Amino acid sequence: MTPPDITDQLKRLKRIEGQVRGIARMIEEERSCVEVLTQIRAVHAALRKVESAQMSGHIEECVLEAVNSGADHEREQKLAELVAALERFGSG
C-alpha cells in the first residue's frame, strides 16, 4: 500500500475505534436496541471497507507482482494465497 492508502486506512480504523466506544456508551446508557444495532451495522460496514482495501492492496502489490515476475513458483504461491483469501473472506 502507498503512504496515502495507509493513512486512509489508519483514519478509518481510528473512526471505527470511536464508533465502538460510542456503542459501549450507548449500551451503558441503555439506549434502544435499534439505535445500538444501527451503530453496530455501521461498524460492520466500515470494517468491510477496510477489509476490501486490504484485499485490493494484496492483489495489486503481491499477486500482480508475482504474476509479472515470471517466476512460476512465486506466481503459483501468490495465486494460491489469493484463492485462500477469497475463500476465507469472500463471503463477508
C-alpha atoms as a PDB file:
ATOM      1  CA  MET A   1       0.000   0.000   0.000  1.00  0.00           C
ATOM      2  CA  THR A   2       1.140   3.519  -0.661  1.00  0.00           C
ATOM      3  CA  PRO A   3       1.528   6.002   2.205  1.00  0.00           C
ATOM      4  CA  PRO A   4      -1.755   7.807   1.351  1.00  0.00           C
ATOM      5  CA  ASP A   5      -3.553   4.439   1.393  1.00  0.00           C
ATOM      6  CA  ILE A   6      -2.018   3.585   4.752  1.00  0.00           C
ATOM      7  CA  THR A   7      -3.007   6.985   6.156  1.00  0.00           C
ATOM      8  CA  ASP A   8      -6.558   6.493   4.893  1.00  0.00           C
ATOM      9  CA  GLN A   9      -6.804   3.034   6.454  1.00  0.00           C
ATOM     10  CA  LEU A  10      -5.484   4.277   9.796  1.00  0.00           C
ATOM     11  CA  LYS A  11      -8.012   7.139   9.775  1.00  0.00           C
ATOM     12  CA  ARG A  12     -10.807   4.660   9.080  1.00  0.00           C
ATOM     13  CA  LEU A  13      -9.656   2.410  11.911  1.00  0.00           C
ATOM     14  CA  LYS A  14      -9.489   5.336  14.362  1.00  0.00           C
ATOM     15  CA  ARG A  15     -13.031   6.289  13.338  1.00  0.00           C
ATOM     16  CA  ILE A  16     -14.151   2.691  13.881  1.00  0.00           C
ATOM     17  CA  GLU A  17     -12.487   2.746  17.301  1.00  0.00           C
ATOM     18  CA  GLY A  18     -14.538   5.803  18.193  1.00  0.00           C
ATOM     19  CA  GLN A  19     -17.712   4.181  16.899  1.00  0.00           C
ATOM     20  CA  VAL A  20     -17.123   1.092  19.048  1.00  0.00           C
ATOM     21  CA  ARG A  21     -16.558   3.256  22.139  1.00  0.00           C
ATOM     22  CA  GLY A  22     -19.777   5.061  21.266  1.00  0.00           C
ATOM     23  CA  ILE A  23     -21.640   1.754  21.098  1.00  0.00           C
ATOM     24  CA  ALA A  24     -20.320   0.839  24.550  1.00  0.00           C
ATOM     25  CA  ARG A  25     -21.590   4.179  25.905  1.00  0.00           C
ATOM     26  CA  MET A  26     -24.968   3.613  24.262  1.00  0.00           C
ATOM     27  CA  ILE A  27     -25.257   0.236  25.967  1.00  0.00           C
ATOM     28  CA  GLU A  28     -24.213   1.752  29.322  1.00  0.00           C
ATOM     29  CA  GLU A  29     -26.871   4.437  28.839  1.00  0.00           C
ATOM     30  CA  GLU A  30     -29.415   1.728  27.993  1.00  0.00           C
ATOM     31  CA  ARG A  31     -30.240   3.273  24.633  1.00  0.00           C
ATOM     32  CA  SER A  32     -32.735   1.473  22.443  1.00  0.00           C
ATOM     33  CA  CYS A  33     -31.687  -1.804  20.876  1.00  0.00           C
ATOM     34  CA  VAL A  34     -32.487  -0.481  17.407  1.00  0.00           C
ATOM     35  CA  GLU A  35     -30.150   2.501  17.878  1.00  0.00           C
ATOM     36  CA  VAL A  36     -27.364   0.221  19.115  1.00  0.00           C
ATOM     37  CA  LEU A  37     -27.899  -2.249  16.279  1.00  0.00           C
ATOM     38  CA  THR A  38     -27.816   0.590  13.754  1.00  0.00           C
ATOM     39  CA  GLN A  39     -24.411   1.658  15.050  1.00  0.00           C
ATOM     40  CA  ILE A  40     -23.150  -1.926  15.070  1.00  0.00           C
ATOM     41  CA  ARG A  41     -24.184  -2.235  11.424  1.00  0.00           C
ATOM     42  CA  ALA A  42     -22.262   0.966  10.645  1.00  0.00           C
ATOM     43  CA  VAL A  43     -19.127  -0.509  12.250  1.00  0.00           C
ATOM     44  CA  HIS A  44     -19.535  -3.690  10.196  1.00  0.00           C
ATOM     45  CA  ALA A  45     -19.774  -1.617   7.007  1.00  0.00           C
ATOM     46  CA  ALA A  46     -16.702   0.417   7.930  1.00  0.00           C
ATOM     47  CA  LEU A  47     -14.707  -2.741   8.667  1.00  0.00           C
ATOM     48  CA  ARG A  48     -15.767  -4.225   5.326  1.00  0.00           C
ATOM     49  CA  LYS A  49     -14.315  -1.141   3.603  1.00  0.00           C
ATOM     50  CA  VAL A  50     -11.009  -1.626   5.413  1.00  0.00           C
ATOM     51  CA  GLU A  51     -11.056  -5.323   4.529  1.00  0.00           C
ATOM     52  CA  SER A  52     -11.769  -4.525   0.886  1.00  0.00           C
ATOM     53  CA  ALA A  53      -8.896  -2.047   0.735  1.00  0.00           C
ATOM     54  CA  GLN A  54      -6.550  -4.610   2.268  1.00  0.00           C
ATOM     55  CA  MET A  55      -7.640  -7.254  -0.240  1.00  0.00           C
ATOM     56  CA  SER A  56      -7.159  -4.811  -3.123  1.00  0.00           C
ATOM     57  CA  GLY A  57      -3.722  -3.918  -1.811  1.00  0.00           C
ATOM     58  CA  HIS A  58      -2.786  -7.582  -1.615  1.00  0.00           C
ATOM     59  CA  ILE A  59      -3.927  -8.193  -5.181  1.00  0.00           C
ATOM     60  CA  GLU A  60      -2.253  -5.078  -6.577  1.00  0.00           C
ATOM     61  CA  GLU A  61       1.040  -5.409  -4.735  1.00  0.00           C
ATOM     62  CA  CYS A  62       1.668  -9.080  -4.053  1.00  0.00           C
ATOM     63  CA  VAL A  63      -0.280 -11.063  -6.601  1.00  0.00           C
ATOM     64  CA  LEU A  64       0.271  -8.869  -9.656  1.00  0.00           C
ATOM     65  CA  GLU A  65       3.955  -8.501  -8.800  1.00  0.00           C
ATOM     66  CA  ALA A  66       4.297 -12.285  -8.608  1.00  0.00           C
ATOM     67  CA  VAL A  67       2.353 -12.804 -11.834  1.00  0.00           C
ATOM     68  CA  ASN A  68       4.502 -10.260 -13.653  1.00  0.00           C
ATOM     69  CA  SER A  69       7.776 -11.570 -12.202  1.00  0.00           C
ATOM     70  CA  GLY A  70       7.805 -14.628 -14.428  1.00  0.00           C
ATOM     71  CA  ALA A  71       8.827 -16.896 -11.528  1.00  0.00           C
ATOM     72  CA  ASP A  72       6.478 -19.880 -11.696  1.00  0.00           C
ATOM     73  CA  HIS A  73       6.848 -20.882  -8.044  1.00  0.00           C
ATOM     74  CA  GLU A  74       6.232 -17.357  -6.742  1.00  0.00           C
ATOM     75  CA  ARG A  75       3.276 -16.878  -9.086  1.00  0.00           C
ATOM     76  CA  GLU A  76       1.679 -20.163  -8.003  1.00  0.00           C
ATOM     77  CA  GLN A  77       2.252 -19.359  -4.332  1.00  0.00           C
ATOM     78  CA  LYS A  78       0.689 -15.890  -4.546  1.00  0.00           C
ATOM     79  CA  LEU A  79      -2.251 -17.125  -6.594  1.00  0.00           C
ATOM     80  CA  ALA A  80      -2.847 -19.870  -4.008  1.00  0.00           C
ATOM     81  CA  GLU A  81      -2.752 -17.205  -1.265  1.00  0.00           C
ATOM     82  CA  LEU A  82      -5.285 -15.149  -3.212  1.00  0.00           C
ATOM     83  CA  VAL A  83      -7.628 -18.104  -3.679  1.00  0.00           C
ATOM     84  CA  ALA A  84      -7.368 -18.940   0.034  1.00  0.00           C
ATOM     85  CA  ALA A  85      -8.064 -15.322   0.972  1.00  0.00           C
ATOM     86  CA  LEU A  86     -11.078 -15.163  -1.328  1.00  0.00           C
ATOM     87  CA  GLU A  87     -12.434 -18.398   0.118  1.00  0.00           C
ATOM     88  CA  ARG A  88     -11.896 -17.168   3.656  1.00  0.00           C
ATOM     89  CA  PHE A  89     -13.036 -13.572   3.293  1.00  0.00           C
ATOM     90  CA  GLY A  90     -15.129 -13.615   0.135  1.00  0.00           C
ATOM     91  CA  SER A  91     -18.417 -14.458   1.810  1.00  0.00           C
ATOM     92  CA  GLY A  92     -18.075 -11.388   4.080  1.00  0.00           C
END
